[in-house]
Amino acid sequence: MKKALQRQNEVFLIEFKGKPMIWDFFAQEIVAAVNGSPLGGPEHLINHRVLAELRAWLDRYLAEDNGELSDGFLDKLNADLREIHYTRVVLPLDVLPSEIGVPRNAYMRRSNPNNTPEALAADDFSKLLTSGELKRLRRCQLEGCKNYFLGPPQAKWCSKSCGSKFRVRKKRKRESL
């Protein structure tokens, strides 16, 4: 029996001002943008409605049972994704080098000013989901902090600052008793 082809990493492009631009999405940057940090990235992430929708997707994801995505979750994601259209393109080696020396194909999201924030957020979220990075997604355990972060399973806080605040609050509570 022949082995299946090795999985080729999918490359995504965004049509930006009429030209293809490689969309190098990094989960850390998207999570930081959702938390309100002014990081660079794809132009549409600046849209606050898209960020609000991404936050809603992250909340839904964390509410799922131990990462077991329900049919309803995937149905909602796929319904929102129907609005996004991709075109398959073949890129020359100087744009996207190949390990085997042949042109690679990629998916380019067509520019559409009518795409809703829900669809754009679903598109970004789907890339995060299929990258496997969301397995490390956590929500800060500090009361009042609503930030997300990517970390190991035992991590509880989004930053050293939040961990410090938690310990100080715990100590003050003990001392007041």
N, C-alpha and C. Protein backbone atom coordinates (compact mmCIF):
# COMPACT_ATOMS: atom_id res chain seq x y z
N MET A 1 0.84 -1.18 0.00
CA MET A 1 0.00 0.00 0.00
C MET A 1 0.88 1.24 0.00
N LYS A 2 0.54 2.20 -0.84
CA LYS A 2 1.31 3.43 -0.91
C LYS A 2 0.96 4.33 0.27
N LYS A 3 1.97 5.08 0.72
CA LYS A 3 1.74 6.04 1.78
C LYS A 3 1.01 7.25 1.22
N ALA A 4 0.21 7.85 2.07
CA ALA A 4 -0.45 9.09 1.67
C ALA A 4 0.61 10.17 1.50
N LEU A 5 0.31 11.13 0.67
CA LEU A 5 1.23 12.24 0.49
C LEU A 5 1.46 12.96 1.80
N GLN A 6 2.68 13.39 2.01
CA GLN A 6 2.97 14.16 3.21
C GLN A 6 2.12 15.42 3.20
N ARG A 7 1.58 15.75 4.35
CA ARG A 7 0.71 16.91 4.45
C ARG A 7 1.50 18.18 4.15
N GLN A 8 1.03 18.89 3.18
CA GLN A 8 1.66 20.17 2.82
C GLN A 8 1.02 21.24 3.68
N ASN A 9 1.85 22.07 4.30
CA ASN A 9 1.31 23.18 5.07
C ASN A 9 0.57 24.11 4.13
N GLU A 10 -0.64 24.45 4.51
CA GLU A 10 -1.42 25.36 3.68
C GLU A 10 -0.87 26.77 3.83
N VAL A 11 -0.82 27.45 2.72
CA VAL A 11 -0.38 28.83 2.71
C VAL A 11 -1.58 29.68 2.33
N PHE A 12 -1.81 30.73 3.11
CA PHE A 12 -2.94 31.61 2.86
C PHE A 12 -2.44 32.98 2.46
N LEU A 13 -3.11 33.55 1.49
CA LEU A 13 -2.80 34.88 1.03
C LEU A 13 -4.04 35.75 1.18
N ILE A 14 -3.80 37.03 1.27
CA ILE A 14 -4.89 37.99 1.28
C ILE A 14 -4.65 38.92 0.10
N GLU A 15 -5.70 39.17 -0.63
CA GLU A 15 -5.60 40.14 -1.71
C GLU A 15 -5.60 41.51 -1.06
N PHE A 16 -4.48 42.21 -1.15
CA PHE A 16 -4.33 43.51 -0.50
C PHE A 16 -3.95 44.54 -1.55
N LYS A 17 -4.85 45.47 -1.76
CA LYS A 17 -4.66 46.50 -2.79
C LYS A 17 -4.35 45.89 -4.15
N GLY A 18 -5.08 44.81 -4.45
CA GLY A 18 -4.96 44.17 -5.75
C GLY A 18 -3.79 43.22 -5.90
N LYS A 19 -2.97 43.07 -4.87
CA LYS A 19 -1.80 42.19 -4.95
C LYS A 19 -1.88 41.13 -3.85
N PRO A 20 -1.33 39.95 -4.14
CA PRO A 20 -1.33 38.92 -3.10
C PRO A 20 -0.31 39.24 -2.00
N MET A 21 -0.73 39.04 -0.77
CA MET A 21 0.14 39.25 0.38
C MET A 21 0.06 37.99 1.24
N ILE A 22 1.19 37.39 1.56
CA ILE A 22 1.19 36.19 2.40
C ILE A 22 0.70 36.58 3.78
N TRP A 23 -0.29 35.84 4.26
CA TRP A 23 -0.86 36.12 5.57
C TRP A 23 -0.14 35.25 6.58
N ASP A 24 0.88 35.82 7.20
CA ASP A 24 1.63 35.12 8.24
C ASP A 24 0.92 35.36 9.55
N PHE A 25 -0.04 34.53 9.84
CA PHE A 25 -0.75 34.72 11.10
C PHE A 25 -0.01 33.99 12.21
N PHE A 26 0.09 34.66 13.31
CA PHE A 26 0.71 34.08 14.48
C PHE A 26 -0.32 34.13 15.59
N ALA A 27 -0.56 33.01 16.19
CA ALA A 27 -1.60 32.91 17.21
C ALA A 27 -1.36 33.92 18.32
N GLN A 28 -0.11 34.11 18.72
CA GLN A 28 0.20 35.03 19.81
C GLN A 28 -0.23 36.45 19.45
N GLU A 29 -0.02 36.86 18.22
CA GLU A 29 -0.41 38.21 17.80
C GLU A 29 -1.93 38.38 17.78
N ILE A 30 -2.63 37.36 17.34
CA ILE A 30 -4.09 37.45 17.29
C ILE A 30 -4.65 37.49 18.71
N VAL A 31 -4.14 36.66 19.60
CA VAL A 31 -4.61 36.68 20.99
C VAL A 31 -4.31 38.03 21.62
N ALA A 32 -3.13 38.59 21.36
CA ALA A 32 -2.78 39.91 21.90
C ALA A 32 -3.72 40.98 21.35
N ALA A 33 -4.05 40.89 20.06
CA ALA A 33 -4.96 41.87 19.46
C ALA A 33 -6.34 41.77 20.09
N VAL A 34 -6.82 40.57 20.34
CA VAL A 34 -8.11 40.38 20.99
C VAL A 34 -8.08 40.96 22.41
N ASN A 35 -6.93 40.85 23.07
CA ASN A 35 -6.78 41.40 24.42
C ASN A 35 -6.65 42.92 24.42
N GLY A 36 -6.48 43.51 23.24
CA GLY A 36 -6.40 44.96 23.16
C GLY A 36 -5.02 45.53 22.92
N SER A 37 -4.02 44.66 22.70
CA SER A 37 -2.67 45.15 22.43
C SER A 37 -2.58 45.63 20.99
N PRO A 38 -1.94 46.76 20.77
CA PRO A 38 -1.82 47.30 19.41
C PRO A 38 -0.67 46.66 18.64
N LEU A 39 -0.86 45.42 18.21
CA LEU A 39 0.18 44.75 17.42
C LEU A 39 -0.16 44.86 15.95
N GLY A 40 0.86 44.76 15.13
CA GLY A 40 0.63 44.79 13.69
C GLY A 40 0.01 43.48 13.25
N GLY A 41 -0.43 43.45 12.03
CA GLY A 41 -1.02 42.24 11.50
C GLY A 41 -1.92 42.58 10.35
N PRO A 42 -2.72 41.62 9.94
CA PRO A 42 -3.64 41.88 8.84
C PRO A 42 -4.51 43.11 9.13
N GLU A 43 -4.75 43.88 8.11
CA GLU A 43 -5.44 45.16 8.25
C GLU A 43 -6.80 45.03 8.91
N HIS A 44 -7.55 43.96 8.62
CA HIS A 44 -8.89 43.86 9.17
C HIS A 44 -8.91 43.60 10.68
N LEU A 45 -7.78 43.20 11.26
CA LEU A 45 -7.77 42.98 12.71
C LEU A 45 -7.91 44.28 13.49
N ILE A 46 -7.71 45.40 12.83
CA ILE A 46 -7.87 46.68 13.49
C ILE A 46 -9.34 46.95 13.76
N ASN A 47 -10.22 46.35 12.98
CA ASN A 47 -11.64 46.53 13.12
C ASN A 47 -12.11 45.97 14.47
N HIS A 48 -12.66 46.82 15.30
CA HIS A 48 -13.07 46.40 16.64
C HIS A 48 -14.21 45.39 16.62
N ARG A 49 -15.05 45.46 15.61
CA ARG A 49 -16.13 44.48 15.51
C ARG A 49 -15.58 43.09 15.22
N VAL A 50 -14.52 43.02 14.39
CA VAL A 50 -13.89 41.73 14.11
C VAL A 50 -13.25 41.18 15.38
N LEU A 51 -12.59 42.05 16.13
CA LEU A 51 -11.96 41.61 17.38
C LEU A 51 -13.00 41.13 18.38
N ALA A 52 -14.13 41.81 18.44
CA ALA A 52 -15.21 41.38 19.35
C ALA A 52 -15.73 40.00 18.94
N GLU A 53 -15.85 39.78 17.65
CA GLU A 53 -16.30 38.47 17.16
C GLU A 53 -15.25 37.39 17.42
N LEU A 54 -13.97 37.74 17.26
CA LEU A 54 -12.91 36.77 17.58
C LEU A 54 -12.94 36.41 19.06
N ARG A 55 -13.18 37.40 19.92
CA ARG A 55 -13.30 37.14 21.36
C ARG A 55 -14.45 36.17 21.62
N ALA A 56 -15.56 36.37 20.91
CA ALA A 56 -16.71 35.47 21.08
C ALA A 56 -16.35 34.05 20.65
N TRP A 57 -15.58 33.91 19.56
CA TRP A 57 -15.15 32.58 19.13
C TRP A 57 -14.24 31.93 20.17
N LEU A 58 -13.33 32.71 20.74
CA LEU A 58 -12.44 32.16 21.76
C LEU A 58 -13.24 31.72 22.98
N ASP A 59 -14.25 32.51 23.37
CA ASP A 59 -15.12 32.13 24.49
C ASP A 59 -15.85 30.83 24.19
N ARG A 60 -16.41 30.74 22.98
CA ARG A 60 -17.13 29.51 22.60
C ARG A 60 -16.19 28.31 22.63
N TYR A 61 -14.98 28.51 22.13
CA TYR A 61 -14.00 27.41 22.09
C TYR A 61 -13.67 26.94 23.51
N LEU A 62 -13.42 27.88 24.41
CA LEU A 62 -13.08 27.48 25.78
C LEU A 62 -14.26 26.85 26.50
N ALA A 63 -15.48 27.17 26.08
CA ALA A 63 -16.67 26.58 26.70
C ALA A 63 -16.93 25.15 26.22
N GLU A 64 -16.31 24.77 25.11
CA GLU A 64 -16.48 23.41 24.60
C GLU A 64 -15.86 22.42 25.58
N ASP A 65 -16.35 21.22 25.58
CA ASP A 65 -15.95 20.19 26.54
C ASP A 65 -14.57 19.63 26.22
N ASN A 66 -13.56 20.10 26.94
CA ASN A 66 -12.18 19.60 26.81
C ASN A 66 -11.68 19.57 25.36
N GLY A 67 -12.02 20.58 24.61
CA GLY A 67 -11.54 20.65 23.24
C GLY A 67 -12.29 19.76 22.27
N GLU A 68 -13.30 19.01 22.77
CA GLU A 68 -14.13 18.20 21.88
C GLU A 68 -15.17 19.12 21.28
N LEU A 69 -14.98 19.49 20.03
CA LEU A 69 -15.85 20.46 19.39
C LEU A 69 -17.18 19.81 19.00
N SER A 70 -18.26 20.43 19.43
CA SER A 70 -19.59 19.90 19.14
C SER A 70 -19.96 20.16 17.68
N ASP A 71 -20.94 19.42 17.21
CA ASP A 71 -21.43 19.64 15.85
C ASP A 71 -22.00 21.04 15.71
N GLY A 72 -22.68 21.52 16.74
CA GLY A 72 -23.24 22.87 16.70
C GLY A 72 -22.16 23.93 16.56
N PHE A 73 -21.06 23.74 17.26
CA PHE A 73 -19.93 24.67 17.18
C PHE A 73 -19.40 24.73 15.75
N LEU A 74 -19.13 23.55 15.18
CA LEU A 74 -18.59 23.49 13.82
C LEU A 74 -19.60 23.97 12.78
N ASP A 75 -20.89 23.69 13.01
CA ASP A 75 -21.93 24.18 12.09
C ASP A 75 -21.95 25.70 12.06
N LYS A 76 -21.86 26.34 13.24
CA LYS A 76 -21.86 27.80 13.32
C LYS A 76 -20.62 28.36 12.62
N LEU A 77 -19.46 27.76 12.87
CA LEU A 77 -18.22 28.21 12.25
C LEU A 77 -18.31 28.09 10.72
N ASN A 78 -18.77 26.96 10.25
CA ASN A 78 -18.89 26.75 8.80
C ASN A 78 -19.93 27.68 8.18
N ALA A 79 -21.00 27.96 8.89
CA ALA A 79 -22.01 28.89 8.36
C ALA A 79 -21.41 30.28 8.18
N ASP A 80 -20.62 30.73 9.16
CA ASP A 80 -19.98 32.04 9.05
C ASP A 80 -18.91 32.06 7.95
N LEU A 81 -18.26 30.93 7.73
CA LEU A 81 -17.20 30.85 6.72
C LEU A 81 -17.72 30.84 5.28
N ARG A 82 -18.98 30.52 5.10
CA ARG A 82 -19.53 30.44 3.73
C ARG A 82 -19.39 31.75 2.97
N GLU A 83 -19.32 32.84 3.68
CA GLU A 83 -19.23 34.16 3.05
C GLU A 83 -17.83 34.45 2.49
N ILE A 84 -16.84 33.77 3.02
CA ILE A 84 -15.45 34.01 2.61
C ILE A 84 -15.14 33.17 1.38
N HIS A 85 -14.54 33.78 0.39
CA HIS A 85 -14.20 33.07 -0.84
C HIS A 85 -12.69 33.11 -1.07
N TYR A 86 -12.17 31.94 -1.39
CA TYR A 86 -10.75 31.80 -1.69
C TYR A 86 -10.57 31.39 -3.13
N THR A 87 -9.46 31.80 -3.69
CA THR A 87 -9.06 31.39 -5.02
C THR A 87 -7.74 30.65 -4.87
N ARG A 88 -7.60 29.56 -5.57
CA ARG A 88 -6.34 28.83 -5.53
C ARG A 88 -5.41 29.45 -6.56
N VAL A 89 -4.19 29.77 -6.13
CA VAL A 89 -3.20 30.37 -7.01
C VAL A 89 -1.89 29.59 -6.93
N VAL A 90 -1.12 29.63 -8.01
CA VAL A 90 0.21 29.02 -8.05
C VAL A 90 1.20 30.15 -8.00
N LEU A 91 2.13 30.05 -7.06
CA LEU A 91 3.09 31.13 -6.83
C LEU A 91 4.47 30.76 -7.35
N PRO A 92 5.17 31.72 -7.93
CA PRO A 92 6.54 31.45 -8.38
C PRO A 92 7.47 31.23 -7.19
N LEU A 93 8.56 30.59 -7.42
CA LEU A 93 9.51 30.24 -6.36
C LEU A 93 10.08 31.46 -5.64
N ASP A 94 10.19 32.60 -6.33
CA ASP A 94 10.73 33.77 -5.65
C ASP A 94 9.74 34.37 -4.64
N VAL A 95 8.46 34.06 -4.78
CA VAL A 95 7.46 34.54 -3.82
C VAL A 95 7.31 33.55 -2.68
N LEU A 96 7.26 32.26 -3.01
CA LEU A 96 7.08 31.22 -2.01
C LEU A 96 8.00 30.05 -2.34
N PRO A 97 9.21 30.01 -1.75
CA PRO A 97 10.16 28.93 -2.05
C PRO A 97 9.59 27.56 -1.70
N SER A 98 10.06 26.57 -2.40
CA SER A 98 9.63 25.20 -2.19
C SER A 98 10.84 24.34 -1.87
N GLU A 99 10.65 23.38 -0.97
CA GLU A 99 11.74 22.47 -0.61
C GLU A 99 12.13 21.57 -1.76
N ILE A 100 11.19 21.29 -2.65
CA ILE A 100 11.48 20.38 -3.75
C ILE A 100 11.70 21.10 -5.08
N GLY A 101 11.70 22.43 -5.05
CA GLY A 101 12.06 23.21 -6.22
C GLY A 101 10.99 23.38 -7.28
N VAL A 102 9.74 23.20 -6.92
CA VAL A 102 8.64 23.42 -7.87
C VAL A 102 7.71 24.47 -7.28
N PRO A 103 6.98 25.18 -8.14
CA PRO A 103 6.05 26.19 -7.61
C PRO A 103 5.03 25.56 -6.67
N ARG A 104 4.63 26.32 -5.67
CA ARG A 104 3.64 25.85 -4.70
C ARG A 104 2.32 26.54 -4.94
N ASN A 105 1.25 25.88 -4.50
CA ASN A 105 -0.04 26.53 -4.61
C ASN A 105 -0.42 27.09 -3.24
N ALA A 106 -1.31 28.04 -3.28
CA ALA A 106 -1.76 28.68 -2.06
C ALA A 106 -3.21 29.08 -2.24
N TYR A 107 -3.85 29.45 -1.16
CA TYR A 107 -5.22 29.93 -1.19
C TYR A 107 -5.20 31.43 -0.91
N MET A 108 -5.84 32.19 -1.78
CA MET A 108 -5.88 33.63 -1.61
C MET A 108 -7.32 34.06 -1.34
N ARG A 109 -7.51 34.72 -0.21
CA ARG A 109 -8.84 35.23 0.11
C ARG A 109 -9.12 36.42 -0.78
N ARG A 110 -10.21 36.35 -1.49
CA ARG A 110 -10.58 37.45 -2.37
C ARG A 110 -11.03 38.65 -1.57
N SER A 111 -10.59 39.79 -2.00
CA SER A 111 -10.96 41.03 -1.35
C SER A 111 -12.44 41.29 -1.60
N ASN A 112 -13.19 41.49 -0.52
CA ASN A 112 -14.61 41.77 -0.64
C ASN A 112 -15.00 42.72 0.47
N PRO A 113 -15.28 43.97 0.13
CA PRO A 113 -15.63 44.94 1.18
C PRO A 113 -16.95 44.61 1.87
N ASN A 114 -17.72 43.70 1.31
CA ASN A 114 -19.01 43.34 1.90
C ASN A 114 -18.91 42.21 2.92
N ASN A 115 -17.70 41.65 3.12
CA ASN A 115 -17.56 40.60 4.13
C ASN A 115 -17.90 41.17 5.50
N THR A 116 -18.69 40.44 6.24
CA THR A 116 -19.09 40.89 7.57
C THR A 116 -17.98 40.63 8.58
N PRO A 117 -17.99 41.37 9.69
CA PRO A 117 -17.01 41.08 10.75
C PRO A 117 -17.12 39.64 11.25
N GLU A 118 -18.33 39.09 11.27
CA GLU A 118 -18.52 37.71 11.71
C GLU A 118 -17.76 36.74 10.80
N ALA A 119 -17.83 36.99 9.50
CA ALA A 119 -17.15 36.11 8.54
C ALA A 119 -15.64 36.26 8.64
N LEU A 120 -15.16 37.50 8.74
CA LEU A 120 -13.71 37.72 8.86
C LEU A 120 -13.16 37.08 10.14
N ALA A 121 -13.91 37.23 11.23
CA ALA A 121 -13.48 36.63 12.50
C ALA A 121 -13.49 35.10 12.41
N ALA A 122 -14.52 34.54 11.79
CA ALA A 122 -14.58 33.09 11.62
C ALA A 122 -13.42 32.59 10.78
N ASP A 123 -13.04 33.35 9.76
CA ASP A 123 -11.91 32.97 8.92
C ASP A 123 -10.61 32.95 9.73
N ASP A 124 -10.37 34.01 10.49
CA ASP A 124 -9.17 34.04 11.33
C ASP A 124 -9.20 32.94 12.39
N PHE A 125 -10.36 32.75 13.02
CA PHE A 125 -10.48 31.72 14.04
C PHE A 125 -10.24 30.33 13.45
N SER A 126 -10.77 30.09 12.24
CA SER A 126 -10.59 28.77 11.63
C SER A 126 -9.11 28.47 11.37
N LYS A 127 -8.36 29.51 11.01
CA LYS A 127 -6.92 29.32 10.80
C LYS A 127 -6.22 28.97 12.13
N LEU A 128 -6.63 29.66 13.20
CA LEU A 128 -6.08 29.34 14.51
C LEU A 128 -6.43 27.92 14.92
N LEU A 129 -7.67 27.55 14.72
CA LEU A 129 -8.16 26.24 15.12
C LEU A 129 -7.40 25.13 14.39
N THR A 130 -7.26 25.28 13.08
CA THR A 130 -6.62 24.22 12.30
C THR A 130 -5.10 24.22 12.42
N SER A 131 -4.52 25.29 12.98
CA SER A 131 -3.08 25.31 13.20
C SER A 131 -2.68 24.50 14.42
N GLY A 132 -3.65 24.22 15.29
CA GLY A 132 -3.36 23.48 16.52
C GLY A 132 -2.94 24.37 17.68
N GLU A 133 -2.78 25.66 17.44
CA GLU A 133 -2.32 26.58 18.48
C GLU A 133 -3.35 26.76 19.59
N LEU A 134 -4.62 26.55 19.30
CA LEU A 134 -5.65 26.78 20.31
C LEU A 134 -5.63 25.74 21.43
N LYS A 135 -4.89 24.67 21.24
CA LYS A 135 -4.76 23.69 22.33
C LYS A 135 -4.09 24.33 23.54
N ARG A 136 -3.34 25.41 23.31
CA ARG A 136 -2.63 26.10 24.39
C ARG A 136 -3.40 27.32 24.91
N LEU A 137 -4.61 27.56 24.38
CA LEU A 137 -5.38 28.74 24.76
C LEU A 137 -5.90 28.60 26.19
N ARG A 138 -5.68 29.64 26.98
CA ARG A 138 -6.14 29.72 28.36
C ARG A 138 -6.76 31.09 28.59
N ARG A 139 -7.56 31.17 29.63
CA ARG A 139 -8.10 32.46 30.06
C ARG A 139 -7.50 32.74 31.43
N CYS A 140 -7.08 33.98 31.63
CA CYS A 140 -6.46 34.38 32.89
C CYS A 140 -7.41 34.12 34.05
N GLN A 141 -6.88 33.55 35.14
CA GLN A 141 -7.68 33.18 36.30
C GLN A 141 -7.84 34.30 37.31
N LEU A 142 -7.18 35.43 37.08
CA LEU A 142 -7.30 36.55 38.00
C LEU A 142 -8.69 37.16 37.86
N GLU A 143 -9.37 37.31 38.99
CA GLU A 143 -10.72 37.90 38.97
C GLU A 143 -10.63 39.31 38.39
N GLY A 144 -11.46 39.57 37.39
CA GLY A 144 -11.47 40.88 36.76
C GLY A 144 -10.64 40.97 35.49
N CYS A 145 -9.70 40.07 35.31
CA CYS A 145 -8.90 40.06 34.09
C CYS A 145 -9.59 39.14 33.09
N LYS A 146 -9.84 39.65 31.93
CA LYS A 146 -10.54 38.86 30.91
C LYS A 146 -9.62 38.49 29.74
N ASN A 147 -8.32 38.55 29.96
CA ASN A 147 -7.36 38.29 28.89
C ASN A 147 -7.20 36.80 28.62
N TYR A 148 -6.86 36.52 27.37
CA TYR A 148 -6.50 35.18 26.93
C TYR A 148 -4.99 35.12 26.82
N PHE A 149 -4.46 33.92 26.85
CA PHE A 149 -3.04 33.73 26.60
C PHE A 149 -2.81 32.32 26.12
N LEU A 150 -1.66 32.08 25.52
CA LEU A 150 -1.26 30.76 25.08
C LEU A 150 -0.20 30.26 26.03
N GLY A 151 -0.46 29.13 26.66
CA GLY A 151 0.50 28.63 27.64
C GLY A 151 0.30 27.16 27.92
N PRO A 152 1.13 26.62 28.81
CA PRO A 152 1.01 25.21 29.17
C PRO A 152 -0.25 24.97 30.01
N PRO A 153 -0.69 23.72 30.12
CA PRO A 153 -1.93 23.41 30.84
C PRO A 153 -1.98 23.91 32.28
N GLN A 154 -0.84 23.97 32.95
CA GLN A 154 -0.83 24.37 34.36
C GLN A 154 -0.82 25.89 34.55
N ALA A 155 -0.62 26.65 33.48
CA ALA A 155 -0.56 28.11 33.60
C ALA A 155 -1.92 28.67 34.00
N LYS A 156 -1.90 29.68 34.89
CA LYS A 156 -3.15 30.24 35.38
C LYS A 156 -3.33 31.71 35.04
N TRP A 157 -2.23 32.41 34.78
CA TRP A 157 -2.32 33.85 34.59
C TRP A 157 -1.72 34.25 33.26
N CYS A 158 -2.24 35.35 32.71
CA CYS A 158 -1.78 35.82 31.41
C CYS A 158 -0.42 36.52 31.49
N SER A 159 -0.04 36.96 32.69
CA SER A 159 1.22 37.68 32.85
C SER A 159 1.74 37.51 34.27
N LYS A 160 3.00 37.86 34.47
CA LYS A 160 3.56 37.84 35.81
C LYS A 160 2.83 38.83 36.70
N SER A 161 2.40 39.94 36.11
CA SER A 161 1.67 40.97 36.84
C SER A 161 0.38 40.41 37.43
N CYS A 162 -0.38 39.66 36.63
CA CYS A 162 -1.63 39.07 37.13
C CYS A 162 -1.35 38.03 38.21
N GLY A 163 -0.30 37.24 38.04
CA GLY A 163 0.06 36.26 39.07
C GLY A 163 0.43 36.95 40.36
N SER A 164 1.16 38.04 40.27
CA SER A 164 1.55 38.81 41.45
C SER A 164 0.33 39.42 42.14
N LYS A 165 -0.57 40.00 41.36
CA LYS A 165 -1.80 40.57 41.92
C LYS A 165 -2.61 39.50 42.64
N PHE A 166 -2.69 38.31 42.06
CA PHE A 166 -3.43 37.21 42.68
C PHE A 166 -2.83 36.86 44.04
N ARG A 167 -1.50 36.73 44.08
CA ARG A 167 -0.84 36.36 45.34
C ARG A 167 -0.99 37.45 46.40
N VAL A 168 -0.90 38.71 45.98
CA VAL A 168 -1.07 39.82 46.93
C VAL A 168 -2.49 39.83 47.48
N ARG A 169 -3.48 39.66 46.62
CA ARG A 169 -4.88 39.62 47.08
C ARG A 169 -5.11 38.47 48.04
N LYS A 170 -4.54 37.32 47.72
CA LYS A 170 -4.69 36.14 48.57
C LYS A 170 -4.05 36.40 49.94
N LYS A 171 -2.87 37.02 49.95
CA LYS A 171 -2.17 37.31 51.21
C LYS A 171 -2.97 38.32 52.04
N ARG A 172 -3.48 39.37 51.40
CA ARG A 172 -4.26 40.37 52.12
C ARG A 172 -5.54 39.78 52.69
N LYS A 173 -6.14 38.89 51.96
CA LYS A 173 -7.36 38.24 52.43
C LYS A 173 -7.06 37.40 53.67
N ARG A 174 -5.92 36.66 53.63
CA ARG A 174 -5.52 35.84 54.78
C ARG A 174 -5.24 36.72 55.99
N GLU A 175 -4.57 37.85 55.76
CA GLU A 175 -4.18 38.73 56.86
C GLU A 175 -5.38 39.46 57.47
N SER A 176 -6.43 39.64 56.68
CA SER A 176 -7.60 40.36 57.20
C SER A 176 -8.51 39.46 58.04
N LEU A 177 -8.26 38.18 58.03
CA LEU A 177 -9.09 37.25 58.81
C LEU A 177 -8.68 37.18 60.24
